[in-house]
Amino acid sequence: VRRQSGSTATMIFDPAEILRYLSQFMVLEPGDL
């Protein structure tokens, strides 16, 4: 039964903004998820 159906188009913060934002508060290491 289909429960979720969506698109990354409705994301509020895109991947670049997420990384930029997180990097102001913590160090992201290679291989982090």
PDB file of all heavy atoms in Angstrom:
ATOM      1  N   VAL A   1       0.850  -1.190   0.000  1.00  0.00           N
ATOM      2  CA  VAL A   1       0.000   0.000   0.000  1.00  0.00           C
ATOM      3  C   VAL A   1       0.884   1.237   0.000  1.00  0.00           C
ATOM      4  O   VAL A   1       1.762   1.376   0.867  1.00  0.00           O
ATOM      5  CB  VAL A   1      -0.935   0.017   1.226  1.00  0.00           C
ATOM      6  CG1 VAL A   1      -1.768   1.304   1.252  1.00  0.00           C
ATOM      7  CG2 VAL A   1      -1.840  -1.208   1.217  1.00  0.00           C
ATOM      8  N   ARG A   2       0.677   2.130  -0.958  1.00  0.00           N
ATOM      9  CA  ARG A   2       1.477   3.341  -1.041  1.00  0.00           C
ATOM     10  C   ARG A   2       1.195   4.241   0.160  1.00  0.00           C
ATOM     11  O   ARG A   2       0.063   4.639   0.403  1.00  0.00           O
ATOM     12  CB  ARG A   2       1.166   4.076  -2.352  1.00  0.00           C
ATOM     13  CG  ARG A   2       1.930   5.374  -2.598  1.00  0.00           C
ATOM     14  CD  ARG A   2       3.448   5.184  -2.679  1.00  0.00           C
ATOM     15  NE  ARG A   2       3.891   4.079  -3.476  1.00  0.00           N
ATOM     16  CZ  ARG A   2       4.140   4.148  -4.791  1.00  0.00           C
ATOM     17  NH1 ARG A   2       3.980   5.291  -5.429  1.00  0.00           N
ATOM     18  NH2 ARG A   2       4.564   3.072  -5.453  1.00  0.00           N
ATOM     19  N   ARG A   3       2.235   4.538   0.926  1.00  0.00           N
ATOM     20  CA  ARG A   3       2.117   5.406   2.089  1.00  0.00           C
ATOM     21  C   ARG A   3       2.771   6.762   1.871  1.00  0.00           C
ATOM     22  O   ARG A   3       2.276   7.780   2.343  1.00  0.00           O
ATOM     23  CB  ARG A   3       2.737   4.725   3.312  1.00  0.00           C
ATOM     24  CG  ARG A   3       2.005   3.485   3.789  1.00  0.00           C
ATOM     25  CD  ARG A   3       0.567   3.768   4.158  1.00  0.00           C
ATOM     26  NE  ARG A   3      -0.095   2.628   4.794  1.00  0.00           N
ATOM     27  CZ  ARG A   3      -1.383   2.592   5.106  1.00  0.00           C
ATOM     28  NH1 ARG A   3      -2.155   3.646   4.822  1.00  0.00           N
ATOM     29  NH2 ARG A   3      -1.904   1.534   5.684  1.00  0.00           N
ATOM     30  N   GLN A   4       3.916   6.777   1.194  1.00  0.00           N
ATOM     31  CA  GLN A   4       4.598   8.031   0.927  1.00  0.00           C
ATOM     32  C   GLN A   4       4.803   8.200  -0.569  1.00  0.00           C
ATOM     33  O   GLN A   4       5.200   7.254  -1.264  1.00  0.00           O
ATOM     34  CB  GLN A   4       5.960   8.083   1.625  1.00  0.00           C
ATOM     35  CG  GLN A   4       5.888   8.244   3.131  1.00  0.00           C
ATOM     36  CD  GLN A   4       7.260   8.490   3.737  1.00  0.00           C
ATOM     37  OE1 GLN A   4       7.986   7.543   4.007  1.00  0.00           O
ATOM     38  NE2 GLN A   4       7.609   9.756   3.936  1.00  0.00           N
ATOM     39  N   SER A   5       4.537   9.387  -1.043  1.00  0.00           N
ATOM     40  CA  SER A   5       4.783   9.735  -2.430  1.00  0.00           C
ATOM     41  C   SER A   5       5.134  11.211  -2.462  1.00  0.00           C
ATOM     42  O   SER A   5       4.350  12.051  -2.013  1.00  0.00           O
ATOM     43  CB  SER A   5       3.542   9.459  -3.283  1.00  0.00           C
ATOM     44  OG  SER A   5       3.794   9.746  -4.641  1.00  0.00           O
ATOM     45  N   GLY A   6       6.322  11.529  -2.926  1.00  0.00           N
ATOM     46  CA  GLY A   6       6.748  12.919  -2.898  1.00  0.00           C
ATOM     47  C   GLY A   6       7.908  13.158  -3.831  1.00  0.00           C
ATOM     48  O   GLY A   6       8.235  12.327  -4.678  1.00  0.00           O
ATOM     49  N   SER A   7       8.535  14.295  -3.661  1.00  0.00           N
ATOM     50  CA  SER A   7       9.646  14.693  -4.516  1.00  0.00           C
ATOM     51  C   SER A   7      10.595  15.566  -3.725  1.00  0.00           C
ATOM     52  O   SER A   7      10.173  16.343  -2.853  1.00  0.00           O
ATOM     53  CB  SER A   7       9.138  15.460  -5.742  1.00  0.00           C
ATOM     54  OG  SER A   7      10.210  16.069  -6.442  1.00  0.00           O
ATOM     55  N   THR A   8      11.867  15.459  -4.044  1.00  0.00           N
ATOM     56  CA  THR A   8      12.848  16.344  -3.425  1.00  0.00           C
ATOM     57  C   THR A   8      12.586  17.811  -3.787  1.00  0.00           C
ATOM     58  O   THR A   8      13.151  18.709  -3.157  1.00  0.00           O
ATOM     59  CB  THR A   8      14.276  15.970  -3.847  1.00  0.00           C
ATOM     60  OG1 THR A   8      14.364  15.974  -5.286  1.00  0.00           O
ATOM     61  CG2 THR A   8      14.659  14.592  -3.326  1.00  0.00           C
ATOM     62  N   ALA A   9      11.728  18.056  -4.760  1.00  0.00           N
ATOM     63  CA  ALA A   9      11.401  19.428  -5.150  1.00  0.00           C
ATOM     64  C   ALA A   9      10.752  20.209  -4.018  1.00  0.00           C
ATOM     65  O   ALA A   9      10.771  21.451  -4.033  1.00  0.00           O
ATOM     66  CB  ALA A   9      10.490  19.439  -6.373  1.00  0.00           C
ATOM     67  N   THR A  10      10.150  19.517  -3.027  1.00  0.00           N
ATOM     68  CA  THR A  10       9.494  20.233  -1.926  1.00  0.00           C
ATOM     69  C   THR A  10      10.398  20.365  -0.696  1.00  0.00           C
ATOM     70  O   THR A  10       9.930  20.780   0.368  1.00  0.00           O
ATOM     71  CB  THR A  10       8.167  19.561  -1.527  1.00  0.00           C
ATOM     72  OG1 THR A  10       8.435  18.277  -0.956  1.00  0.00           O
ATOM     73  CG2 THR A  10       7.249  19.411  -2.730  1.00  0.00           C
ATOM     74  N   MET A  11      11.671  20.024  -0.853  1.00  0.00           N
ATOM     75  CA  MET A  11      12.603  20.230   0.256  1.00  0.00           C
ATOM     76  C   MET A  11      12.723  21.718   0.570  1.00  0.00           C
ATOM     77  O   MET A  11      12.739  22.567  -0.321  1.00  0.00           O
ATOM     78  CB  MET A  11      13.995  19.675  -0.087  1.00  0.00           C
ATOM     79  CG  MET A  11      14.070  18.167  -0.132  1.00  0.00           C
ATOM     80  SD  MET A  11      15.705  17.556  -0.645  1.00  0.00           S
ATOM     81  CE  MET A  11      16.671  17.922   0.814  1.00  0.00           C
ATOM     82  N   ILE A  12      12.823  22.036   1.851  1.00  0.00           N
ATOM     83  CA  ILE A  12      12.982  23.423   2.278  1.00  0.00           C
ATOM     84  C   ILE A  12      14.437  23.853   2.133  1.00  0.00           C
ATOM     85  O   ILE A  12      14.738  24.922   1.604  1.00  0.00           O
ATOM     86  CB  ILE A  12      12.503  23.583   3.733  1.00  0.00           C
ATOM     87  CG1 ILE A  12      11.022  23.196   3.845  1.00  0.00           C
ATOM     88  CG2 ILE A  12      12.733  25.018   4.228  1.00  0.00           C
ATOM     89  CD1 ILE A  12      10.560  22.968   5.271  1.00  0.00           C
ATOM     90  N   PHE A  13      15.353  23.027   2.605  1.00  0.00           N
ATOM     91  CA  PHE A  13      16.785  23.310   2.528  1.00  0.00           C
ATOM     92  C   PHE A  13      17.430  22.273   1.618  1.00  0.00           C
ATOM     93  O   PHE A  13      17.316  21.070   1.855  1.00  0.00           O
ATOM     94  CB  PHE A  13      17.428  23.265   3.922  1.00  0.00           C
ATOM     95  CG  PHE A  13      16.745  24.162   4.921  1.00  0.00           C
ATOM     96  CD1 PHE A  13      15.898  23.626   5.886  1.00  0.00           C
ATOM     97  CD2 PHE A  13      16.925  25.538   4.873  1.00  0.00           C
ATOM     98  CE1 PHE A  13      15.258  24.447   6.805  1.00  0.00           C
ATOM     99  CE2 PHE A  13      16.282  26.371   5.776  1.00  0.00           C
ATOM    100  CZ  PHE A  13      15.447  25.830   6.745  1.00  0.00           C
ATOM    101  N   ASP A  14      18.099  22.722   0.550  1.00  0.00           N
ATOM    102  CA  ASP A  14      18.699  21.790  -0.398  1.00  0.00           C
ATOM    103  C   ASP A  14      20.004  21.218   0.161  1.00  0.00           C
ATOM    104  O   ASP A  14      20.496  21.664   1.205  1.00  0.00           O
ATOM    105  CB  ASP A  14      18.889  22.449  -1.764  1.00  0.00           C
ATOM    106  CG  ASP A  14      19.947  23.546  -1.785  1.00  0.00           C
ATOM    107  OD1 ASP A  14      20.839  23.577  -0.907  1.00  0.00           O
ATOM    108  OD2 ASP A  14      19.893  24.384  -2.707  1.00  0.00           O
ATOM    109  N   PRO A  15      20.571  20.185  -0.476  1.00  0.00           N
ATOM    110  CA  PRO A  15      21.778  19.552   0.073  1.00  0.00           C
ATOM    111  C   PRO A  15      22.928  20.509   0.337  1.00  0.00           C
ATOM    112  O   PRO A  15      23.613  20.398   1.365  1.00  0.00           O
ATOM    113  CB  PRO A  15      22.132  18.521  -1.001  1.00  0.00           C
ATOM    114  CG  PRO A  15      20.817  18.129  -1.580  1.00  0.00           C
ATOM    115  CD  PRO A  15      20.029  19.412  -1.625  1.00  0.00           C
ATOM    116  N   ALA A  16      23.162  21.470  -0.557  1.00  0.00           N
ATOM    117  CA  ALA A  16      24.268  22.403  -0.344  1.00  0.00           C
ATOM    118  C   ALA A  16      24.034  23.259   0.882  1.00  0.00           C
ATOM    119  O   ALA A  16      24.954  23.493   1.675  1.00  0.00           O
ATOM    120  CB  ALA A  16      24.461  23.278  -1.581  1.00  0.00           C
ATOM    121  N   GLU A  17      22.806  23.741   1.062  1.00  0.00           N
ATOM    122  CA  GLU A  17      22.522  24.567   2.233  1.00  0.00           C
ATOM    123  C   GLU A  17      22.626  23.757   3.515  1.00  0.00           C
ATOM    124  O   GLU A  17      23.091  24.251   4.550  1.00  0.00           O
ATOM    125  CB  GLU A  17      21.143  25.204   2.103  1.00  0.00           C
ATOM    126  CG  GLU A  17      20.686  25.991   3.320  1.00  0.00           C
ATOM    127  CD  GLU A  17      21.647  27.106   3.751  1.00  0.00           C
ATOM    128  OE1 GLU A  17      22.515  27.523   2.949  1.00  0.00           O
ATOM    129  OE2 GLU A  17      21.530  27.564   4.907  1.00  0.00           O
ATOM    130  N   ILE A  18      22.207  22.493   3.465  1.00  0.00           N
ATOM    131  CA  ILE A  18      22.327  21.638   4.649  1.00  0.00           C
ATOM    132  C   ILE A  18      23.798  21.471   5.044  1.00  0.00           C
ATOM    133  O   ILE A  18      24.167  21.622   6.218  1.00  0.00           O
ATOM    134  CB  ILE A  18      21.670  20.274   4.386  1.00  0.00           C
ATOM    135  CG1 ILE A  18      20.144  20.434   4.310  1.00  0.00           C
ATOM    136  CG2 ILE A  18      22.045  19.269   5.467  1.00  0.00           C
ATOM    137  CD1 ILE A  18      19.421  19.209   3.822  1.00  0.00           C
ATOM    138  N   LEU A  19      24.651  21.158   4.070  1.00  0.00           N
ATOM    139  CA  LEU A  19      26.073  20.999   4.384  1.00  0.00           C
ATOM    140  C   LEU A  19      26.687  22.305   4.880  1.00  0.00           C
ATOM    141  O   LEU A  19      27.436  22.313   5.867  1.00  0.00           O
ATOM    142  CB  LEU A  19      26.840  20.503   3.155  1.00  0.00           C
ATOM    143  CG  LEU A  19      27.236  19.023   3.195  1.00  0.00           C
ATOM    144  CD1 LEU A  19      25.990  18.161   3.095  1.00  0.00           C
ATOM    145  CD2 LEU A  19      28.212  18.681   2.086  1.00  0.00           C
ATOM    146  N   ARG A  20      26.389  23.390   4.179  1.00  0.00           N
ATOM    147  CA  ARG A  20      26.947  24.685   4.593  1.00  0.00           C
ATOM    148  C   ARG A  20      26.522  25.011   6.014  1.00  0.00           C
ATOM    149  O   ARG A  20      27.330  25.425   6.840  1.00  0.00           O
ATOM    150  CB  ARG A  20      26.482  25.783   3.637  1.00  0.00           C
ATOM    151  CG  ARG A  20      27.151  27.145   3.871  1.00  0.00           C
ATOM    152  CD  ARG A  20      26.277  28.290   3.458  1.00  0.00           C
ATOM    153  NE  ARG A  20      25.056  28.372   4.247  1.00  0.00           N
ATOM    154  CZ  ARG A  20      24.997  28.860   5.485  1.00  0.00           C
ATOM    155  NH1 ARG A  20      26.102  29.312   6.079  1.00  0.00           N
ATOM    156  NH2 ARG A  20      23.852  28.900   6.135  1.00  0.00           N
ATOM    157  N   TYR A  21      25.243  24.808   6.305  1.00  0.00           N
ATOM    158  CA  TYR A  21      24.713  25.120   7.626  1.00  0.00           C
ATOM    159  C   TYR A  21      25.360  24.248   8.706  1.00  0.00           C
ATOM    160  O   TYR A  21      25.841  24.756   9.726  1.00  0.00           O
ATOM    161  CB  TYR A  21      23.197  24.917   7.618  1.00  0.00           C
ATOM    162  CG  TYR A  21      22.512  25.259   8.909  1.00  0.00           C
ATOM    163  CD1 TYR A  21      22.122  26.565   9.190  1.00  0.00           C
ATOM    164  CD2 TYR A  21      22.244  24.281   9.859  1.00  0.00           C
ATOM    165  CE1 TYR A  21      21.491  26.889  10.387  1.00  0.00           C
ATOM    166  CE2 TYR A  21      21.612  24.581  11.050  1.00  0.00           C
ATOM    167  CZ  TYR A  21      21.232  25.892  11.313  1.00  0.00           C
ATOM    168  OH  TYR A  21      20.614  26.198  12.507  1.00  0.00           O
ATOM    169  N   LEU A  22      25.376  22.936   8.492  1.00  0.00           N
ATOM    170  CA  LEU A  22      25.948  22.042   9.495  1.00  0.00           C
ATOM    171  C   LEU A  22      27.412  22.359   9.771  1.00  0.00           C
ATOM    172  O   LEU A  22      27.883  22.251  10.915  1.00  0.00           O
ATOM    173  CB  LEU A  22      25.814  20.590   9.039  1.00  0.00           C
ATOM    174  CG  LEU A  22      24.398  20.007   9.005  1.00  0.00           C
ATOM    175  CD1 LEU A  22      24.423  18.606   8.417  1.00  0.00           C
ATOM    176  CD2 LEU A  22      23.771  19.996  10.400  1.00  0.00           C
ATOM    177  N   SER A  23      28.139  22.753   8.732  1.00  0.00           N
ATOM    178  CA  SER A  23      29.577  23.006   8.891  1.00  0.00           C
ATOM    179  C   SER A  23      29.875  24.223   9.746  1.00  0.00           C
ATOM    180  O   SER A  23      31.031  24.433  10.150  1.00  0.00           O
ATOM    181  CB  SER A  23      30.249  23.154   7.521  1.00  0.00           C
ATOM    182  OG  SER A  23      29.965  24.422   6.946  1.00  0.00           O
ATOM    183  N   GLN A  24      28.865  25.026  10.061  1.00  0.00           N
ATOM    184  CA  GLN A  24      29.067  26.157  10.964  1.00  0.00           C
ATOM    185  C   GLN A  24      29.066  25.710  12.427  1.00  0.00           C
ATOM    186  O   GLN A  24      29.529  26.443  13.305  1.00  0.00           O
ATOM    187  CB  GLN A  24      27.979  27.221  10.763  1.00  0.00           C
ATOM    188  CG  GLN A  24      27.739  27.643   9.323  1.00  0.00           C
ATOM    189  CD  GLN A  24      28.994  28.062   8.595  1.00  0.00           C
ATOM    190  OE1 GLN A  24      29.729  28.938   9.067  1.00  0.00           O
ATOM    191  NE2 GLN A  24      29.243  27.441   7.434  1.00  0.00           N
ATOM    192  N   PHE A  25      28.561  24.494  12.681  1.00  0.00           N
ATOM    193  CA  PHE A  25      28.394  24.027  14.056  1.00  0.00           C
ATOM    194  C   PHE A  25      29.197  22.772  14.378  1.00  0.00           C
ATOM    195  O   PHE A  25      29.398  22.452  15.544  1.00  0.00           O
ATOM    196  CB  PHE A  25      26.913  23.737  14.324  1.00  0.00           C
ATOM    197  CG  PHE A  25      26.006  24.888  14.025  1.00  0.00           C
ATOM    198  CD1 PHE A  25      25.306  24.942  12.838  1.00  0.00           C
ATOM    199  CD2 PHE A  25      25.873  25.935  14.925  1.00  0.00           C
ATOM    200  CE1 PHE A  25      24.474  26.014  12.551  1.00  0.00           C
ATOM    201  CE2 PHE A  25      25.038  27.005  14.650  1.00  0.00           C
ATOM    202  CZ  PHE A  25      24.344  27.053  13.463  1.00  0.00           C
ATOM    203  N   MET A  26      29.637  22.053  13.337  1.00  0.00           N
ATOM    204  CA  MET A  26      30.367  20.804  13.550  1.00  0.00           C
ATOM    205  C   MET A  26      31.277  20.561  12.355  1.00  0.00           C
ATOM    206  O   MET A  26      31.074  21.139  11.279  1.00  0.00           O
ATOM    207  CB  MET A  26      29.402  19.621  13.721  1.00  0.00           C
ATOM    208  CG  MET A  26      28.565  19.332  12.493  1.00  0.00           C
ATOM    209  SD  MET A  26      27.339  18.006  12.741  1.00  0.00           S
ATOM    210  CE  MET A  26      26.124  18.853  13.759  1.00  0.00           C
ATOM    211  N   VAL A  27      32.256  19.704  12.546  1.00  0.00           N
ATOM    212  CA  VAL A  27      33.123  19.289  11.441  1.00  0.00           C
ATOM    213  C   VAL A  27      32.537  18.017  10.839  1.00  0.00           C
ATOM    214  O   VAL A  27      32.311  17.028  11.546  1.00  0.00           O
ATOM    215  CB  VAL A  27      34.561  19.045  11.917  1.00  0.00           C
ATOM    216  CG1 VAL A  27      35.420  18.533  10.762  1.00  0.00           C
ATOM    217  CG2 VAL A  27      35.157  20.323  12.498  1.00  0.00           C
ATOM    218  N   LEU A  28      32.285  18.057   9.561  1.00  0.00           N
ATOM    219  CA  LEU A  28      31.809  16.885   8.834  1.00  0.00           C
ATOM    220  C   LEU A  28      33.011  16.172   8.228  1.00  0.00           C
ATOM    221  O   LEU A  28      33.820  16.786   7.543  1.00  0.00           O
ATOM    222  CB  LEU A  28      30.839  17.304   7.733  1.00  0.00           C
ATOM    223  CG  LEU A  28      29.575  18.020   8.212  1.00  0.00           C
ATOM    224  CD1 LEU A  28      28.808  18.603   7.029  1.00  0.00           C
ATOM    225  CD2 LEU A  28      28.689  17.087   9.020  1.00  0.00           C
ATOM    226  N   GLU A  29      33.113  14.876   8.497  1.00  0.00           N
ATOM    227  CA  GLU A  29      34.255  14.099   8.036  1.00  0.00           C
ATOM    228  C   GLU A  29      33.905  13.338   6.760  1.00  0.00           C
ATOM    229  O   GLU A  29      32.735  13.018   6.509  1.00  0.00           O
ATOM    230  CB  GLU A  29      34.694  13.103   9.112  1.00  0.00           C
ATOM    231  CG  GLU A  29      35.087  13.732  10.439  1.00  0.00           C
ATOM    232  CD  GLU A  29      36.413  14.479  10.383  1.00  0.00           C
ATOM    233  OE1 GLU A  29      37.060  14.487   9.310  1.00  0.00           O
ATOM    234  OE2 GLU A  29      36.802  15.056  11.418  1.00  0.00           O
ATOM    235  N   PRO A  30      34.888  13.015   5.933  1.00  0.00           N
ATOM    236  CA  PRO A  30      34.625  12.200   4.743  1.00  0.00           C
ATOM    237  C   PRO A  30      33.936  10.887   5.116  1.00  0.00           C
ATOM    238  O   PRO A  30      34.334  10.217   6.063  1.00  0.00           O
ATOM    239  CB  PRO A  30      36.030  11.952   4.174  1.00  0.00           C
ATOM    240  CG  PRO A  30      36.856  13.070   4.700  1.00  0.00           C
ATOM    241  CD  PRO A  30      36.313  13.379   6.061  1.00  0.00           C
ATOM    242  N   GLY A  31      32.904  10.559   4.369  1.00  0.00           N
ATOM    243  CA  GLY A  31      32.151   9.339   4.645  1.00  0.00           C
ATOM    244  C   GLY A  31      30.989   9.516   5.593  1.00  0.00           C
ATOM    245  O   GLY A  31      30.208   8.572   5.786  1.00  0.00           O
ATOM    246  N   ASP A  32      30.844  10.699   6.220  1.00  0.00           N
ATOM    247  CA  ASP A  32      29.685  10.937   7.073  1.00  0.00           C
ATOM    248  C   ASP A  32      28.404  10.893   6.240  1.00  0.00           C
ATOM    249  O   ASP A  32      28.400  11.200   5.040  1.00  0.00           O
ATOM    250  CB  ASP A  32      29.786  12.299   7.762  1.00  0.00           C
ATOM    251  CG  ASP A  32      30.709  12.273   8.977  1.00  0.00           C
ATOM    252  OD1 ASP A  32      31.172  11.180   9.353  1.00  0.00           O
ATOM    253  OD2 ASP A  32      30.963  13.354   9.547  1.00  0.00           O
ATOM    254  N   LEU A  33      27.307  10.526   6.903  1.00  0.00           N
ATOM    255  CA  LEU A  33      26.009  10.414   6.245  1.00  0.00           C
ATOM    256  C   LEU A  33      25.054  11.445   6.826  1.00  0.00           C
ATOM    257  O   LEU A  33      24.969  11.609   8.055  1.00  0.00           O
ATOM    258  CB  LEU A  33      25.434   9.008   6.446  1.00  0.00           C
ATOM    259  CG  LEU A  33      24.030   8.729   5.892  1.00  0.00           C
ATOM    260  CD1 LEU A  33      23.976   8.907   4.383  1.00  0.00           C
ATOM    261  CD2 LEU A  33      23.569   7.331   6.295  1.00  0.00           C
TER     262      LEU A  33
END
